[in-house]
């Protein structure tokens, strides 16, 4: 069902936002295991948050994690 997939994506992105708000680094592999999805799915969520929602998320190769912050502007 389409609704279930949308809810799951919102849940994943909400979790990622909490990590960003708390300044906690994360990687796609760990989140994929946690949410029982592929790393590609997590990367698509992150890409959506960056490109469409204005999150500042970057990958730090030296520590193999994503780091960033929530957007400064308010999102509807």
N, C-alpha and C. Protein backbone atom coordinates (compact mmCIF):
# COMPACT_ATOMS: atom_id res chain seq x y z
N UNK A 1 0.83 -1.20 0.00
CA UNK A 1 0.00 0.00 0.00
C UNK A 1 0.87 1.26 0.00
N UNK A 2 0.48 2.19 -0.72
CA UNK A 2 1.22 3.45 -0.83
C UNK A 2 1.26 4.21 0.50
N UNK A 3 0.17 4.21 1.24
CA UNK A 3 0.10 4.93 2.51
C UNK A 3 1.14 4.41 3.49
N UNK A 4 1.30 3.10 3.57
CA UNK A 4 2.28 2.51 4.47
C UNK A 4 3.69 2.95 4.13
N UNK A 5 4.01 3.02 2.85
CA UNK A 5 5.34 3.46 2.45
C UNK A 5 5.55 4.92 2.80
N UNK A 6 4.56 5.73 2.64
CA UNK A 6 4.70 7.15 2.97
C UNK A 6 4.92 7.33 4.46
N UNK A 7 4.18 6.60 5.27
CA UNK A 7 4.34 6.70 6.72
C UNK A 7 5.72 6.24 7.15
N UNK A 8 6.21 5.19 6.53
CA UNK A 8 7.54 4.68 6.86
C UNK A 8 8.60 5.71 6.51
N UNK A 9 8.45 6.37 5.38
CA UNK A 9 9.43 7.38 4.98
C UNK A 9 9.39 8.56 5.95
N UNK A 10 8.22 8.97 6.37
CA UNK A 10 8.10 10.07 7.33
C UNK A 10 8.75 9.67 8.65
N UNK A 11 8.53 8.45 9.07
CA UNK A 11 9.14 7.97 10.31
C UNK A 11 10.66 8.00 10.22
N UNK A 12 11.22 7.53 9.10
CA UNK A 12 12.67 7.55 8.93
C UNK A 12 13.21 8.97 8.93
N UNK A 13 12.55 9.86 8.20
CA UNK A 13 13.04 11.24 8.13
C UNK A 13 12.89 11.96 9.46
N UNK A 14 11.87 11.65 10.21
CA UNK A 14 11.72 12.23 11.55
C UNK A 14 12.86 11.78 12.46
N UNK A 15 13.23 10.52 12.35
CA UNK A 15 14.33 9.98 13.14
C UNK A 15 15.64 10.67 12.76
N UNK A 16 15.87 10.83 11.45
CA UNK A 16 17.07 11.52 10.98
C UNK A 16 17.09 12.95 11.49
N UNK A 17 15.95 13.62 11.47
CA UNK A 17 15.89 15.00 11.98
C UNK A 17 16.27 15.06 13.46
N UNK A 18 15.80 14.09 14.25
CA UNK A 18 16.17 14.07 15.67
C UNK A 18 17.68 13.89 15.84
N UNK A 19 18.27 13.03 15.01
CA UNK A 19 19.72 12.87 15.06
C UNK A 19 20.42 14.19 14.75
N UNK A 20 19.95 14.88 13.72
CA UNK A 20 20.55 16.16 13.34
C UNK A 20 20.37 17.20 14.44
N UNK A 21 19.17 17.27 15.02
CA UNK A 21 18.89 18.23 16.09
C UNK A 21 19.80 18.01 17.30
N UNK A 22 20.14 16.74 17.55
CA UNK A 22 21.00 16.40 18.69
C UNK A 22 22.47 16.40 18.33
N UNK A 23 22.79 16.70 17.07
CA UNK A 23 24.18 16.75 16.64
C UNK A 23 24.85 15.38 16.60
N UNK A 24 24.05 14.34 16.44
CA UNK A 24 24.59 12.98 16.41
C UNK A 24 24.90 12.56 14.98
N UNK A 25 26.12 12.11 14.73
CA UNK A 25 26.44 11.61 13.40
C UNK A 25 25.75 10.26 13.17
N UNK A 26 25.53 9.91 11.92
CA UNK A 26 24.86 8.65 11.59
C UNK A 26 25.31 8.19 10.23
N UNK A 27 25.11 6.91 9.94
CA UNK A 27 25.40 6.44 8.58
C UNK A 27 24.22 5.63 8.05
N UNK A 28 24.19 5.51 6.75
CA UNK A 28 23.06 4.87 6.09
C UNK A 28 22.96 3.39 6.43
N UNK A 29 24.09 2.73 6.60
CA UNK A 29 24.07 1.29 6.89
C UNK A 29 23.38 0.99 8.21
N UNK A 30 23.70 1.73 9.23
CA UNK A 30 23.08 1.51 10.55
C UNK A 30 21.59 1.82 10.52
N UNK A 31 21.23 2.93 9.87
CA UNK A 31 19.81 3.27 9.78
C UNK A 31 19.05 2.24 8.95
N UNK A 32 19.69 1.72 7.92
CA UNK A 32 19.05 0.70 7.10
C UNK A 32 18.74 -0.54 7.93
N UNK A 33 19.68 -0.94 8.77
CA UNK A 33 19.43 -2.08 9.66
C UNK A 33 18.31 -1.78 10.64
N UNK A 34 18.34 -0.60 11.22
CA UNK A 34 17.33 -0.21 12.21
C UNK A 34 15.92 -0.23 11.61
N UNK A 35 15.78 0.31 10.41
CA UNK A 35 14.46 0.43 9.78
C UNK A 35 14.14 -0.72 8.82
N UNK A 36 15.07 -1.66 8.69
CA UNK A 36 14.87 -2.83 7.83
C UNK A 36 14.58 -2.44 6.38
N UNK A 37 15.41 -1.54 5.88
CA UNK A 37 15.34 -1.11 4.48
C UNK A 37 16.77 -1.15 3.93
N UNK A 38 16.93 -0.85 2.67
CA UNK A 38 18.27 -0.83 2.08
C UNK A 38 18.96 0.51 2.37
N UNK A 39 20.28 0.50 2.26
CA UNK A 39 21.06 1.74 2.40
C UNK A 39 20.65 2.74 1.33
N UNK A 40 20.31 2.24 0.14
CA UNK A 40 19.88 3.13 -0.94
C UNK A 40 18.61 3.88 -0.55
N UNK A 41 17.71 3.23 0.17
CA UNK A 41 16.48 3.89 0.62
C UNK A 41 16.83 5.02 1.58
N UNK A 42 17.72 4.77 2.51
CA UNK A 42 18.14 5.81 3.46
C UNK A 42 18.81 6.95 2.71
N UNK A 43 19.66 6.63 1.74
CA UNK A 43 20.32 7.68 0.97
C UNK A 43 19.32 8.51 0.18
N UNK A 44 18.26 7.88 -0.33
CA UNK A 44 17.20 8.64 -1.03
C UNK A 44 16.47 9.56 -0.05
N UNK A 45 16.22 9.08 1.17
CA UNK A 45 15.59 9.93 2.20
C UNK A 45 16.46 11.15 2.49
N UNK A 46 17.75 10.92 2.64
CA UNK A 46 18.69 12.01 2.94
C UNK A 46 18.75 12.99 1.77
N UNK A 47 18.79 12.46 0.56
CA UNK A 47 18.80 13.32 -0.63
C UNK A 47 17.54 14.18 -0.69
N UNK A 48 16.38 13.59 -0.40
CA UNK A 48 15.13 14.34 -0.38
C UNK A 48 15.18 15.44 0.68
N UNK A 49 15.68 15.11 1.86
CA UNK A 49 15.76 16.10 2.94
C UNK A 49 16.67 17.24 2.56
N UNK A 50 17.77 16.94 1.87
CA UNK A 50 18.71 17.97 1.41
C UNK A 50 18.11 18.84 0.32
N UNK A 51 17.66 18.17 -0.74
CA UNK A 51 17.24 18.88 -1.94
C UNK A 51 15.89 19.56 -1.83
N UNK A 52 14.94 18.94 -1.17
CA UNK A 52 13.59 19.46 -1.13
C UNK A 52 13.23 20.17 0.16
N UNK A 53 13.87 19.77 1.27
CA UNK A 53 13.51 20.34 2.57
C UNK A 53 14.55 21.30 3.12
N UNK A 54 15.69 21.41 2.47
CA UNK A 54 16.69 22.40 2.87
C UNK A 54 17.61 21.99 4.01
N UNK A 55 17.69 20.72 4.32
CA UNK A 55 18.60 20.28 5.37
C UNK A 55 20.04 20.37 4.89
N UNK A 56 20.93 20.69 5.81
CA UNK A 56 22.35 20.74 5.48
C UNK A 56 22.98 19.46 6.00
N UNK A 57 23.04 18.47 5.12
CA UNK A 57 23.57 17.16 5.49
C UNK A 57 24.73 16.85 4.56
N UNK A 58 25.87 16.53 5.15
CA UNK A 58 27.05 16.18 4.36
C UNK A 58 27.64 14.89 4.88
N UNK A 59 28.33 14.19 4.01
CA UNK A 59 28.98 12.94 4.39
C UNK A 59 30.44 13.23 4.73
N UNK A 60 30.88 12.79 5.89
CA UNK A 60 32.26 12.95 6.31
C UNK A 60 32.97 11.62 6.12
N UNK A 61 33.77 11.52 5.07
CA UNK A 61 34.45 10.27 4.74
C UNK A 61 35.45 9.85 5.81
N UNK A 62 36.01 10.80 6.54
CA UNK A 62 37.02 10.45 7.54
C UNK A 62 36.43 9.67 8.71
N UNK A 63 35.14 9.87 9.01
CA UNK A 63 34.51 9.13 10.11
C UNK A 63 33.34 8.26 9.64
N UNK A 64 33.16 8.18 8.30
CA UNK A 64 32.14 7.32 7.69
C UNK A 64 30.73 7.59 8.22
N UNK A 65 30.38 8.87 8.35
CA UNK A 65 29.05 9.23 8.85
C UNK A 65 28.54 10.48 8.15
N UNK A 66 27.22 10.66 8.25
CA UNK A 66 26.60 11.91 7.83
C UNK A 66 26.59 12.85 9.03
N UNK A 67 26.77 14.11 8.76
CA UNK A 67 26.66 15.15 9.78
C UNK A 67 25.90 16.31 9.16
N UNK A 68 25.30 17.14 9.98
CA UNK A 68 24.58 18.27 9.42
C UNK A 68 23.68 18.93 10.42
N UNK A 69 22.75 19.70 9.88
CA UNK A 69 21.81 20.42 10.73
C UNK A 69 20.48 20.58 10.01
N UNK A 70 19.46 20.83 10.80
CA UNK A 70 18.14 21.11 10.25
C UNK A 70 18.16 22.47 9.59
N UNK A 71 17.25 22.73 8.66
CA UNK A 71 17.23 24.04 7.99
C UNK A 71 16.93 25.16 8.96
N UNK A 72 17.46 26.32 8.66
CA UNK A 72 17.23 27.50 9.50
C UNK A 72 15.84 28.07 9.29
N UNK A 73 15.27 27.85 8.12
CA UNK A 73 13.93 28.36 7.82
C UNK A 73 12.89 27.33 8.24
N UNK A 74 11.72 27.82 8.52
CA UNK A 74 10.64 26.93 8.95
C UNK A 74 10.01 26.25 7.74
N UNK A 75 9.76 24.97 7.88
CA UNK A 75 9.14 24.19 6.82
C UNK A 75 7.69 23.95 7.20
N UNK A 76 6.79 24.09 6.23
CA UNK A 76 5.37 23.84 6.49
C UNK A 76 5.10 22.40 6.80
